[in-house]
Amino acid sequence: MTLIRFLLPALLLLILSTVPAVGWAKSDVLSPLETVKTLLNAIKKIENGEQLTKLQQTTNRKYSGKAVTFLDVELVSQKTLGKYWEKRTEQEQGKFITMFGELFEWVAFPNSAKFFNELNLEYGKTKSKKGLATVPLKVVHKEEGEVLIDFILKQNSEHWRVVDVVLDGVSMRSNLRSQFYKVIKKKNFPDLVRRMLKKLTAAKG
């Protein structure tokens, strides 16, 4: 099993089967490094298990909701649909963005939490240029060894938001776009939405 499957298994399974930031202050301007650290700290606080109490479930939603605010869900949605984005109506685009954000909140982050908790995180030097930044991270797993992760961020107004995650040279965004294209070409856009909704519904129970 590769470490990529450890870190973001849910993201690679989205096709197989605007989240509000309530209660979190948006006034503080975080650097790219601080943004990534805050994102991962929120994810690591999500608890896992089939018998979670209502309080634990509520707390998980709080931290998942916080984590989503550090992603540029709209831009990631556009890039993953690529050439098919402009073919969708404004209403379809809006629904896709909302659903995509909820998949991160309900599926990707909870499935990633337990794996990040098992890893040692070593941050490298941030590289910034013209509104884009790369925060390099080296993770060390007891079985898989070292894996390099690059968090790609874009400055939106005065805030930095994650727009891609590159794991050992594999782009999350490009990977998802490739999978989305396969489904749309083989079936159609409604079938892609149906599969994503099925995954989301299952996660919500």
N, C-alpha and C. Protein backbone atom coordinates (compact mmCIF):
# COMPACT_ATOMS: atom_id res chain seq x y z
N MET A 1 0.86 -1.20 0.00
CA MET A 1 0.00 0.00 0.00
C MET A 1 0.89 1.24 0.00
N THR A 2 0.67 2.17 -0.92
CA THR A 2 1.48 3.37 -1.00
C THR A 2 1.02 4.40 0.01
N LEU A 3 1.89 5.33 0.33
CA LEU A 3 1.54 6.36 1.31
C LEU A 3 0.49 7.31 0.76
N ILE A 4 0.40 7.42 -0.57
CA ILE A 4 -0.64 8.24 -1.15
C ILE A 4 -2.01 7.73 -0.72
N ARG A 5 -2.16 6.43 -0.65
CA ARG A 5 -3.43 5.85 -0.21
C ARG A 5 -3.64 6.09 1.28
N PHE A 6 -2.55 6.21 2.03
CA PHE A 6 -2.66 6.52 3.45
C PHE A 6 -3.19 7.94 3.63
N LEU A 7 -2.67 8.89 2.84
CA LEU A 7 -2.93 10.30 3.10
C LEU A 7 -4.28 10.79 2.62
N LEU A 8 -4.62 10.50 1.37
CA LEU A 8 -5.86 11.03 0.82
C LEU A 8 -6.65 9.96 0.09
N PRO A 9 -6.99 8.87 0.74
CA PRO A 9 -7.70 7.78 0.05
C PRO A 9 -9.05 8.20 -0.46
N ALA A 10 -9.72 9.04 0.28
CA ALA A 10 -11.08 9.42 -0.10
C ALA A 10 -11.10 10.22 -1.39
N LEU A 11 -10.09 11.06 -1.59
CA LEU A 11 -10.07 11.90 -2.79
C LEU A 11 -9.97 11.06 -4.05
N LEU A 12 -9.28 9.95 -3.96
CA LEU A 12 -9.09 9.10 -5.13
C LEU A 12 -10.27 8.17 -5.35
N LEU A 13 -11.28 8.23 -4.47
CA LEU A 13 -12.44 7.35 -4.59
C LEU A 13 -13.73 8.13 -4.81
N LEU A 14 -13.64 9.41 -5.00
CA LEU A 14 -14.84 10.23 -5.10
C LEU A 14 -15.78 9.76 -6.21
N ILE A 15 -15.21 9.37 -7.36
CA ILE A 15 -16.08 9.05 -8.48
C ILE A 15 -16.51 7.59 -8.47
N LEU A 16 -16.00 6.83 -7.55
CA LEU A 16 -16.38 5.43 -7.48
C LEU A 16 -17.62 5.24 -6.65
N SER A 17 -18.05 5.45 -6.27
CA SER A 17 -19.29 5.17 -5.62
C SER A 17 -20.41 5.98 -6.22
N THR A 18 -20.76 25.87 -1.27
CA THR A 18 -19.80 26.56 -0.47
C THR A 18 -20.19 26.27 0.98
N VAL A 19 -19.20 25.34 1.60
CA VAL A 19 -19.49 25.04 2.98
C VAL A 19 -19.26 26.28 3.84
N PRO A 20 -20.24 26.75 4.63
CA PRO A 20 -20.08 27.97 5.42
C PRO A 20 -19.10 27.79 6.57
N ALA A 21 -18.35 28.81 6.86
CA ALA A 21 -17.38 28.77 7.95
C ALA A 21 -18.01 29.36 9.20
N VAL A 22 -18.88 28.63 9.83
CA VAL A 22 -19.60 29.13 10.98
C VAL A 22 -18.70 29.12 12.20
N GLY A 23 -18.62 30.26 12.87
CA GLY A 23 -17.94 30.33 14.14
C GLY A 23 -16.43 30.48 14.06
N TRP A 24 -15.88 30.65 12.86
CA TRP A 24 -14.43 30.80 12.75
C TRP A 24 -14.10 32.18 12.23
N ALA A 25 -13.25 32.89 12.95
CA ALA A 25 -12.89 34.27 12.58
C ALA A 25 -12.08 34.26 11.29
N LYS A 26 -12.36 35.20 10.41
CA LYS A 26 -11.66 35.28 9.13
C LYS A 26 -10.76 36.52 9.06
N SER A 27 -10.62 37.24 10.20
CA SER A 27 -9.91 38.50 10.18
C SER A 27 -8.39 38.32 10.14
N ASP A 28 -7.88 37.24 10.75
CA ASP A 28 -6.44 37.03 10.79
C ASP A 28 -5.93 36.62 9.43
N VAL A 29 -4.85 37.26 9.01
CA VAL A 29 -4.23 36.93 7.73
C VAL A 29 -3.09 35.97 8.01
N LEU A 30 -3.21 34.74 7.51
CA LEU A 30 -2.21 33.71 7.74
C LEU A 30 -1.26 33.62 6.56
N SER A 31 -0.01 33.31 6.83
CA SER A 31 0.95 33.06 5.76
C SER A 31 0.63 31.71 5.13
N PRO A 32 1.23 31.40 3.96
CA PRO A 32 1.00 30.08 3.36
C PRO A 32 1.34 28.94 4.32
N LEU A 33 2.46 29.04 5.01
CA LEU A 33 2.86 27.99 5.96
C LEU A 33 1.86 27.88 7.10
N GLU A 34 1.43 29.00 7.65
CA GLU A 34 0.46 28.99 8.74
C GLU A 34 -0.87 28.42 8.27
N THR A 35 -1.24 28.71 7.02
CA THR A 35 -2.48 28.19 6.47
C THR A 35 -2.46 26.67 6.41
N VAL A 36 -1.35 26.11 5.90
CA VAL A 36 -1.24 24.64 5.80
C VAL A 36 -1.21 24.01 7.18
N LYS A 37 -0.47 24.61 8.11
CA LYS A 37 -0.40 24.06 9.47
C LYS A 37 -1.77 24.07 10.13
N THR A 38 -2.52 25.15 9.94
CA THR A 38 -3.85 25.25 10.54
C THR A 38 -4.80 24.24 9.92
N LEU A 39 -4.69 24.07 8.61
CA LEU A 39 -5.50 23.07 7.90
C LEU A 39 -5.24 21.67 8.45
N LEU A 40 -3.97 21.29 8.54
CA LEU A 40 -3.62 19.94 8.99
C LEU A 40 -3.94 19.74 10.48
N ASN A 41 -3.78 20.79 11.27
CA ASN A 41 -4.12 20.68 12.70
C ASN A 41 -5.61 20.42 12.88
N ALA A 42 -6.43 21.06 12.04
CA ALA A 42 -7.88 20.83 12.11
C ALA A 42 -8.22 19.41 11.70
N ILE A 43 -7.59 18.93 10.63
CA ILE A 43 -7.84 17.57 10.15
C ILE A 43 -7.44 16.54 11.22
N LYS A 44 -6.29 16.76 11.88
CA LYS A 44 -5.79 15.81 12.86
C LYS A 44 -6.67 15.71 14.10
N LYS A 45 -7.53 16.70 14.31
CA LYS A 45 -8.41 16.69 15.48
C LYS A 45 -9.72 15.94 15.22
N ILE A 46 -9.92 15.51 13.98
CA ILE A 46 -11.13 14.75 13.64
C ILE A 46 -10.97 13.33 14.16
N GLU A 47 -11.96 12.87 14.92
CA GLU A 47 -11.91 11.53 15.50
C GLU A 47 -12.54 10.52 14.54
N ASN A 48 -12.05 9.27 14.62
CA ASN A 48 -12.55 8.21 13.76
C ASN A 48 -13.21 7.11 14.59
N GLY A 49 -14.10 6.38 13.97
CA GLY A 49 -14.77 5.29 14.65
C GLY A 49 -16.22 5.19 14.24
N GLU A 50 -16.77 4.00 14.36
CA GLU A 50 -18.16 3.77 13.95
C GLU A 50 -19.16 4.12 15.05
N GLN A 51 -18.68 4.19 16.29
CA GLN A 51 -19.58 4.44 17.42
C GLN A 51 -19.28 5.79 18.08
N LEU A 52 -19.19 6.83 17.29
CA LEU A 52 -18.92 8.15 17.84
C LEU A 52 -20.16 8.72 18.52
N THR A 53 -19.95 9.43 19.62
CA THR A 53 -21.07 10.07 20.30
C THR A 53 -21.53 11.28 19.49
N LYS A 54 -22.69 11.80 19.83
CA LYS A 54 -23.20 12.98 19.14
C LYS A 54 -22.26 14.17 19.33
N LEU A 55 -21.68 14.26 20.52
CA LEU A 55 -20.73 15.34 20.78
C LEU A 55 -19.50 15.20 19.90
N GLN A 56 -18.99 13.97 19.75
CA GLN A 56 -17.83 13.73 18.88
C GLN A 56 -18.16 14.04 17.43
N GLN A 57 -19.35 13.67 17.00
CA GLN A 57 -19.78 13.95 15.62
C GLN A 57 -19.87 15.46 15.38
N THR A 58 -20.42 16.17 16.36
CA THR A 58 -20.53 17.62 16.24
C THR A 58 -19.15 18.27 16.20
N THR A 59 -18.25 17.78 17.05
CA THR A 59 -16.89 18.30 17.07
C THR A 59 -16.18 18.03 15.75
N ASN A 60 -16.39 16.82 15.21
CA ASN A 60 -15.79 16.49 13.91
C ASN A 60 -16.26 17.44 12.82
N ARG A 61 -17.55 17.73 12.81
CA ARG A 61 -18.09 18.65 11.81
C ARG A 61 -17.47 20.03 11.94
N LYS A 62 -17.23 20.43 13.19
CA LYS A 62 -16.64 21.74 13.42
C LYS A 62 -15.24 21.81 12.81
N TYR A 63 -14.43 20.79 13.06
CA TYR A 63 -13.07 20.81 12.54
C TYR A 63 -13.01 20.56 11.04
N SER A 64 -13.91 19.72 10.52
CA SER A 64 -13.97 19.52 9.06
C SER A 64 -14.40 20.81 8.37
N GLY A 65 -15.38 21.49 8.98
CA GLY A 65 -15.85 22.75 8.42
C GLY A 65 -14.76 23.80 8.42
N LYS A 66 -13.95 23.80 9.49
CA LYS A 66 -12.84 24.74 9.54
C LYS A 66 -11.82 24.43 8.45
N ALA A 67 -11.51 23.14 8.28
CA ALA A 67 -10.51 22.73 7.29
C ALA A 67 -10.91 23.16 5.88
N VAL A 68 -12.21 23.03 5.57
CA VAL A 68 -12.69 23.38 4.23
C VAL A 68 -12.46 24.85 3.91
N THR A 69 -12.48 25.71 4.93
CA THR A 69 -12.31 27.15 4.69
C THR A 69 -10.91 27.49 4.19
N PHE A 70 -9.98 26.56 4.32
CA PHE A 70 -8.61 26.82 3.86
C PHE A 70 -8.36 26.26 2.46
N LEU A 71 -9.43 25.78 1.82
CA LEU A 71 -9.35 25.33 0.43
C LEU A 71 -10.09 26.31 -0.46
N ASP A 72 -9.60 26.48 -1.67
CA ASP A 72 -10.34 27.25 -2.68
C ASP A 72 -11.19 26.24 -3.45
N VAL A 73 -12.34 25.90 -2.85
CA VAL A 73 -13.18 24.84 -3.41
C VAL A 73 -13.69 25.21 -4.79
N GLU A 74 -14.01 26.48 -4.99
CA GLU A 74 -14.52 26.90 -6.30
C GLU A 74 -13.48 26.70 -7.39
N LEU A 75 -12.25 27.13 -7.14
CA LEU A 75 -11.20 26.99 -8.15
C LEU A 75 -10.87 25.53 -8.40
N VAL A 76 -10.79 24.73 -7.34
CA VAL A 76 -10.50 23.30 -7.50
C VAL A 76 -11.62 22.63 -8.30
N SER A 77 -12.86 23.03 -8.06
CA SER A 77 -13.99 22.49 -8.82
C SER A 77 -13.84 22.79 -10.31
N GLN A 78 -13.49 24.04 -10.61
CA GLN A 78 -13.32 24.44 -12.01
C GLN A 78 -12.19 23.65 -12.68
N LYS A 79 -11.07 23.52 -11.97
CA LYS A 79 -9.91 22.86 -12.56
C LYS A 79 -10.11 21.35 -12.72
N THR A 80 -10.83 20.73 -11.80
CA THR A 80 -11.04 19.29 -11.92
C THR A 80 -12.03 18.94 -13.03
N LEU A 81 -12.98 19.83 -13.28
CA LEU A 81 -13.90 19.60 -14.41
C LEU A 81 -13.29 20.07 -15.73
N GLY A 82 -12.28 20.96 -15.64
CA GLY A 82 -11.56 21.39 -16.83
C GLY A 82 -12.45 21.89 -17.95
N LYS A 83 -12.31 21.28 -19.13
CA LYS A 83 -13.04 21.75 -20.31
C LYS A 83 -14.55 21.56 -20.18
N TYR A 84 -14.98 20.75 -19.23
CA TYR A 84 -16.42 20.53 -19.07
C TYR A 84 -17.08 21.57 -18.17
N TRP A 85 -16.27 22.40 -17.51
CA TRP A 85 -16.82 23.39 -16.58
C TRP A 85 -17.71 24.39 -17.30
N GLU A 86 -17.22 24.95 -18.39
CA GLU A 86 -17.98 25.98 -19.11
C GLU A 86 -19.24 25.43 -19.77
N LYS A 87 -19.32 24.12 -19.91
CA LYS A 87 -20.50 23.51 -20.53
C LYS A 87 -21.65 23.36 -19.54
N ARG A 88 -21.37 23.60 -18.25
CA ARG A 88 -22.41 23.47 -17.23
C ARG A 88 -23.10 24.81 -17.03
N THR A 89 -24.36 24.77 -16.64
CA THR A 89 -25.09 25.99 -16.34
C THR A 89 -24.56 26.57 -15.03
N GLU A 90 -24.90 27.82 -14.77
CA GLU A 90 -24.47 28.45 -13.53
C GLU A 90 -25.02 27.70 -12.31
N GLN A 91 -26.25 27.20 -12.44
CA GLN A 91 -26.85 26.44 -11.35
C GLN A 91 -26.10 25.13 -11.13
N GLU A 92 -25.76 24.44 -12.21
CA GLU A 92 -25.02 23.18 -12.10
C GLU A 92 -23.64 23.42 -11.48
N GLN A 93 -22.99 24.51 -11.88
CA GLN A 93 -21.69 24.83 -11.32
C GLN A 93 -21.78 25.07 -9.82
N GLY A 94 -22.80 25.83 -9.41
CA GLY A 94 -22.97 26.12 -8.00
C GLY A 94 -23.22 24.87 -7.17
N LYS A 95 -24.05 23.97 -7.68
CA LYS A 95 -24.34 22.73 -6.98
C LYS A 95 -23.09 21.84 -6.91
N PHE A 96 -22.31 21.85 -7.99
CA PHE A 96 -21.09 21.03 -8.00
C PHE A 96 -20.10 21.53 -6.96
N ILE A 97 -19.93 22.85 -6.85
CA ILE A 97 -19.02 23.43 -5.87
C ILE A 97 -19.44 23.04 -4.45
N THR A 98 -20.73 23.17 -4.17
CA THR A 98 -21.23 22.82 -2.85
C THR A 98 -21.01 21.35 -2.54
N MET A 99 -21.32 20.49 -3.48
CA MET A 99 -21.16 19.05 -3.29
C MET A 99 -19.69 18.69 -3.12
N PHE A 100 -18.83 19.30 -3.91
CA PHE A 100 -17.40 19.03 -3.84
C PHE A 100 -16.84 19.40 -2.47
N GLY A 101 -17.26 20.57 -1.97
CA GLY A 101 -16.84 21.00 -0.64
C GLY A 101 -17.30 20.05 0.44
N GLU A 102 -18.53 19.56 0.31
CA GLU A 102 -19.07 18.63 1.30
C GLU A 102 -18.35 17.28 1.25
N LEU A 103 -17.89 16.87 0.08
CA LEU A 103 -17.13 15.63 -0.02
C LEU A 103 -15.79 15.74 0.71
N PHE A 104 -15.16 16.90 0.63
CA PHE A 104 -13.95 17.11 1.41
C PHE A 104 -14.28 17.02 2.90
N GLU A 105 -15.37 17.69 3.28
CA GLU A 105 -15.74 17.78 4.70
C GLU A 105 -16.15 16.43 5.28
N TRP A 106 -16.97 15.68 4.55
CA TRP A 106 -17.56 14.45 5.07
C TRP A 106 -16.74 13.19 4.77
N VAL A 107 -15.94 13.22 3.68
CA VAL A 107 -15.24 12.01 3.25
C VAL A 107 -13.73 12.16 3.34
N ALA A 108 -13.17 13.14 2.62
CA ALA A 108 -11.72 13.23 2.50
C ALA A 108 -11.03 13.50 3.83
N PHE A 109 -11.48 14.52 4.53
CA PHE A 109 -10.80 14.89 5.77
C PHE A 109 -10.91 13.83 6.87
N PRO A 110 -12.10 13.29 7.12
CA PRO A 110 -12.19 12.23 8.15
C PRO A 110 -11.32 11.01 7.82
N ASN A 111 -11.25 10.64 6.55
CA ASN A 111 -10.44 9.48 6.17
C ASN A 111 -8.95 9.77 6.21
N SER A 112 -8.58 11.05 6.15
CA SER A 112 -7.17 11.41 6.19
C SER A 112 -6.68 11.63 7.61
N ALA A 113 -7.59 11.93 8.54
CA ALA A 113 -7.20 12.33 9.89
C ALA A 113 -6.33 11.29 10.59
N LYS A 114 -6.76 10.04 10.58
CA LYS A 114 -6.02 9.01 11.32
C LYS A 114 -4.64 8.77 10.74
N PHE A 115 -4.48 9.00 9.44
CA PHE A 115 -3.19 8.77 8.81
C PHE A 115 -2.22 9.90 9.12
N PHE A 116 -2.71 11.15 9.12
CA PHE A 116 -1.84 12.26 9.48
C PHE A 116 -1.39 12.17 10.92
N ASN A 117 -2.22 11.62 11.77
CA ASN A 117 -1.86 11.47 13.18
C ASN A 117 -0.72 10.48 13.38
N GLU A 118 -0.52 9.58 12.42
CA GLU A 118 0.52 8.57 12.53
C GLU A 118 1.85 9.03 11.94
N LEU A 119 1.88 10.24 11.38
CA LEU A 119 3.05 10.69 10.64
C LEU A 119 3.81 11.78 11.37
N ASN A 120 5.13 11.81 11.16
CA ASN A 120 5.95 12.94 11.58
C ASN A 120 5.99 13.94 10.44
N LEU A 121 5.68 15.19 10.73
CA LEU A 121 5.61 16.22 9.70
C LEU A 121 6.81 17.15 9.78
N GLU A 122 7.51 17.29 8.67
CA GLU A 122 8.66 18.19 8.61
C GLU A 122 8.45 19.19 7.48
N TYR A 123 8.29 20.46 7.84
CA TYR A 123 8.02 21.50 6.85
C TYR A 123 9.32 22.07 6.29
N GLY A 124 9.32 22.30 4.97
CA GLY A 124 10.46 22.91 4.32
C GLY A 124 10.24 24.40 4.13
N LYS A 125 11.07 25.03 3.35
CA LYS A 125 11.00 26.47 3.12
C LYS A 125 9.94 26.79 2.07
N THR A 126 9.06 27.71 2.41
CA THR A 126 7.99 28.11 1.49
C THR A 126 8.56 28.91 0.32
N LYS A 127 8.04 28.61 -0.87
CA LYS A 127 8.42 29.36 -2.07
C LYS A 127 7.21 30.13 -2.57
N SER A 128 7.35 31.44 -2.76
CA SER A 128 6.23 32.28 -3.19
C SER A 128 6.61 33.07 -4.43
N LYS A 129 5.63 33.22 -5.35
CA LYS A 129 5.87 34.02 -6.55
C LYS A 129 4.54 34.39 -7.19
N LYS A 130 4.30 35.69 -7.32
CA LYS A 130 3.14 36.23 -8.03
C LYS A 130 1.81 35.63 -7.57
N GLY A 131 1.57 35.66 -6.28
CA GLY A 131 0.28 35.21 -5.77
C GLY A 131 0.14 33.71 -5.62
N LEU A 132 1.21 32.95 -5.91
CA LEU A 132 1.20 31.51 -5.73
C LEU A 132 2.30 31.13 -4.72
N ALA A 133 2.05 30.09 -3.96
CA ALA A 133 3.04 29.65 -2.98
C ALA A 133 3.05 28.13 -2.91
N THR A 134 4.21 27.58 -2.64
CA THR A 134 4.37 26.14 -2.44
C THR A 134 4.94 25.90 -1.05
N VAL A 135 4.21 25.13 -0.26
CA VAL A 135 4.68 24.76 1.08
C VAL A 135 5.08 23.29 1.03
N PRO A 136 6.39 23.01 1.06
CA PRO A 136 6.85 21.62 1.00
C PRO A 136 6.77 20.96 2.38
N LEU A 137 6.39 19.71 2.37
CA LEU A 137 6.25 18.96 3.61
C LEU A 137 6.79 17.55 3.39
N LYS A 138 7.62 17.11 4.31
CA LYS A 138 8.14 15.75 4.26
C LYS A 138 7.49 14.97 5.39
N VAL A 139 6.86 13.86 5.04
CA VAL A 139 6.23 13.03 6.07
C VAL A 139 6.99 11.72 6.15
N VAL A 140 7.09 11.22 7.36
CA VAL A 140 7.82 9.98 7.58
C VAL A 140 6.89 8.95 8.20
N HIS A 141 6.67 7.86 7.47
CA HIS A 141 5.81 6.80 7.95
C HIS A 141 6.68 5.59 8.29
N LYS A 142 6.32 4.89 9.36
CA LYS A 142 7.15 3.78 9.85
C LYS A 142 7.29 2.65 8.83
N GLU A 143 6.33 2.50 7.93
CA GLU A 143 6.40 1.43 6.94
C GLU A 143 6.77 1.93 5.56
N GLU A 144 6.25 3.11 5.20
CA GLU A 144 6.45 3.62 3.84
C GLU A 144 7.67 4.50 3.68
N GLY A 145 8.27 4.92 4.81
CA GLY A 145 9.43 5.79 4.72
C GLY A 145 9.04 7.23 4.45
N GLU A 146 9.91 7.96 3.75
CA GLU A 146 9.69 9.38 3.50
C GLU A 146 8.89 9.61 2.22
N VAL A 147 7.98 10.55 2.31
CA VAL A 147 7.21 10.97 1.14
C VAL A 147 7.15 12.49 1.14
N LEU A 148 7.35 13.09 -0.02
CA LEU A 148 7.31 14.54 -0.14
C LEU A 148 5.92 14.99 -0.58
N ILE A 149 5.41 16.00 0.08
CA ILE A 149 4.11 16.57 -0.26
C ILE A 149 4.27 18.06 -0.47
N ASP A 150 3.76 18.57 -1.57
CA ASP A 150 3.75 20.01 -1.82
C ASP A 150 2.32 20.51 -1.76
N PHE A 151 2.07 21.47 -0.88
CA PHE A 151 0.79 22.14 -0.83
C PHE A 151 0.90 23.40 -1.69
N ILE A 152 0.05 23.49 -2.71
CA ILE A 152 0.05 24.63 -3.61
C ILE A 152 -1.07 25.58 -3.18
N LEU A 153 -0.72 26.83 -2.93
CA LEU A 153 -1.70 27.80 -2.47
C LEU A 153 -1.76 29.00 -3.41
N LYS A 154 -2.93 29.62 -3.46
CA LYS A 154 -3.13 30.83 -4.25
C LYS A 154 -3.69 31.90 -3.33
N GLN A 155 -3.20 33.13 -3.53
CA GLN A 155 -3.68 34.23 -2.71
C GLN A 155 -5.00 34.74 -3.26
N ASN A 156 -6.03 34.68 -2.44
CA ASN A 156 -7.37 35.12 -2.80
C ASN A 156 -7.71 36.30 -1.92
N SER A 157 -7.74 37.50 -2.52
CA SER A 157 -7.84 38.73 -1.75
C SER A 157 -6.60 38.79 -0.87
N GLU A 158 -6.75 38.80 0.45
CA GLU A 158 -5.57 38.82 1.30
C GLU A 158 -5.32 37.47 1.98
N HIS A 159 -6.15 36.48 1.67
CA HIS A 159 -6.01 35.17 2.29
C HIS A 159 -5.36 34.17 1.32
N TRP A 160 -4.65 33.19 1.88
CA TRP A 160 -4.08 32.11 1.10
C TRP A 160 -4.99 30.89 1.21
N ARG A 161 -5.23 30.23 0.07
CA ARG A 161 -6.08 29.04 0.05
C ARG A 161 -5.39 27.93 -0.75
N VAL A 162 -5.52 26.71 -0.27
CA VAL A 162 -4.93 25.55 -0.95
C VAL A 162 -5.71 25.26 -2.23
N VAL A 163 -4.98 25.10 -3.34
CA VAL A 163 -5.62 24.80 -4.62
C VAL A 163 -5.16 23.46 -5.20
N ASP A 164 -4.14 22.87 -4.60
CA ASP A 164 -3.69 21.55 -5.06
C ASP A 164 -2.77 20.95 -4.01
N VAL A 165 -2.68 19.62 -4.04
CA VAL A 165 -1.75 18.89 -3.17
C VAL A 165 -1.03 17.89 -4.06
N VAL A 166 0.29 17.95 -4.06
CA VAL A 166 1.10 17.08 -4.91
C VAL A 166 1.84 16.09 -4.02
N LEU A 167 1.52 14.80 -4.18
CA LEU A 167 2.11 13.73 -3.37
C LEU A 167 3.11 12.95 -4.19
N ASP A 168 4.40 13.11 -3.85
CA ASP A 168 5.44 12.42 -4.60
C ASP A 168 5.28 12.62 -6.11
N GLY A 169 5.00 13.85 -6.49
CA GLY A 169 4.88 14.19 -7.90
C GLY A 169 3.52 13.96 -8.50
N VAL A 170 2.57 13.42 -7.73
CA VAL A 170 1.23 13.15 -8.24
C VAL A 170 0.28 14.26 -7.77
N SER A 171 -0.29 14.99 -8.71
CA SER A 171 -1.19 16.09 -8.40
C SER A 171 -2.59 15.57 -8.09
N MET A 172 -3.11 15.93 -6.93
CA MET A 172 -4.47 15.56 -6.55
C MET A 172 -5.47 16.09 -7.58
N ARG A 173 -5.28 17.34 -7.97
CA ARG A 173 -6.21 17.97 -8.89
C ARG A 173 -6.20 17.31 -10.26
N SER A 174 -5.02 17.03 -10.76
CA SER A 174 -4.90 16.37 -12.08
C SER A 174 -5.45 14.96 -12.03
N ASN A 175 -5.21 14.27 -10.91
CA ASN A 175 -5.71 12.91 -10.76
C ASN A 175 -7.22 12.89 -10.79
N LEU A 176 -7.83 13.80 -10.06
CA LEU A 176 -9.29 13.87 -10.04
C LEU A 176 -9.85 14.24 -11.41
N ARG A 177 -9.18 15.21 -12.09
CA ARG A 177 -9.65 15.61 -13.42
C ARG A 177 -9.62 14.43 -14.38
N SER A 178 -8.56 13.63 -14.32
CA SER A 178 -8.45 12.45 -15.18
C SER A 178 -9.60 11.48 -14.92
N GLN A 179 -9.92 11.26 -13.65
CA GLN A 179 -11.00 10.34 -13.31
C GLN A 179 -12.36 10.91 -13.72
N PHE A 180 -12.55 12.19 -13.50
CA PHE A 180 -13.81 12.83 -13.89
C PHE A 180 -14.02 12.74 -15.39
N TYR A 181 -12.95 12.99 -16.16
CA TYR A 181 -13.04 12.93 -17.62
C TYR A 181 -13.46 11.54 -18.08
N LYS A 182 -12.91 10.51 -17.43
CA LYS A 182 -13.22 9.13 -17.83
C LYS A 182 -14.71 8.83 -17.65
N VAL A 183 -15.25 9.29 -16.52
CA VAL A 183 -16.67 9.04 -16.25
C VAL A 183 -17.55 9.81 -17.22
N ILE A 184 -17.21 11.08 -17.44
CA ILE A 184 -18.03 11.92 -18.33
C ILE A 184 -17.99 11.39 -19.77
N LYS A 185 -16.81 10.96 -20.22
CA LYS A 185 -16.69 10.43 -21.58
C LYS A 185 -17.42 9.11 -21.74
N LYS A 186 -17.31 8.26 -20.73
CA LYS A 186 -17.95 6.94 -20.80
C LYS A 186 -19.45 7.05 -20.60
N LYS A 187 -19.87 7.90 -19.68
CA LYS A 187 -21.29 8.09 -19.39
C LYS A 187 -21.69 9.52 -19.74
N ASN A 188 -21.79 10.37 -18.70
CA ASN A 188 -22.11 11.78 -18.88
C ASN A 188 -21.93 12.51 -17.56
N PHE A 189 -22.12 13.82 -17.58
CA PHE A 189 -21.96 14.62 -16.36
C PHE A 189 -22.95 14.22 -15.28
N PRO A 190 -24.23 14.03 -15.59
CA PRO A 190 -25.18 13.60 -14.55
C PRO A 190 -24.76 12.31 -13.84
N ASP A 191 -24.11 11.39 -14.57
CA ASP A 191 -23.67 10.15 -13.94
C ASP A 191 -22.53 10.43 -12.95
N LEU A 192 -21.65 11.37 -13.29
CA LEU A 192 -20.58 11.76 -12.36
C LEU A 192 -21.18 12.33 -11.08
N VAL A 193 -22.15 13.21 -11.24
CA VAL A 193 -22.82 13.82 -10.09
C VAL A 193 -23.51 12.75 -9.25
N ARG A 194 -24.16 11.80 -9.92
CA ARG A 194 -24.86 10.72 -9.21
C ARG A 194 -23.88 9.92 -8.34
N ARG A 195 -22.71 9.60 -8.89
CA ARG A 195 -21.72 8.82 -8.15
C ARG A 195 -21.19 9.59 -6.95
N MET A 196 -20.95 10.88 -7.16
CA MET A 196 -20.45 11.71 -6.07
C MET A 196 -21.49 11.87 -4.97
N LEU A 197 -22.75 12.05 -5.36
CA LEU A 197 -23.83 12.16 -4.39
C LEU A 197 -24.01 10.86 -3.60
N LYS A 198 -23.84 9.74 -4.28
CA LYS A 198 -23.95 8.44 -3.61
C LYS A 198 -22.89 8.31 -2.53
N LYS A 199 -21.66 8.74 -2.87
CA LYS A 199 -20.57 8.69 -1.90
C LYS A 199 -20.86 9.62 -0.72
N LEU A 200 -21.38 10.79 -1.00
CA LEU A 200 -21.68 11.77 0.05
C LEU A 200 -22.81 11.29 0.94
N THR A 201 -23.84 10.74 0.34
CA THR A 201 -24.98 10.23 1.10
C THR A 201 -24.56 9.11 2.04
N ALA A 202 -23.70 8.22 1.55
CA ALA A 202 -23.22 7.12 2.38
C ALA A 202 -22.41 7.64 3.56
N ALA A 203 -21.63 8.69 3.34
CA ALA A 203 -20.82 9.25 4.42
C ALA A 203 -21.68 9.93 5.49
N LYS A 204 -22.77 10.54 5.05
CA LYS A 204 -23.64 11.22 6.01
C LYS A 204 -24.52 10.22 6.77
N GLY A 205 -24.60 8.99 6.25
CA GLY A 205 -25.38 7.96 6.94
C GLY A 205 -26.87 8.17 6.77
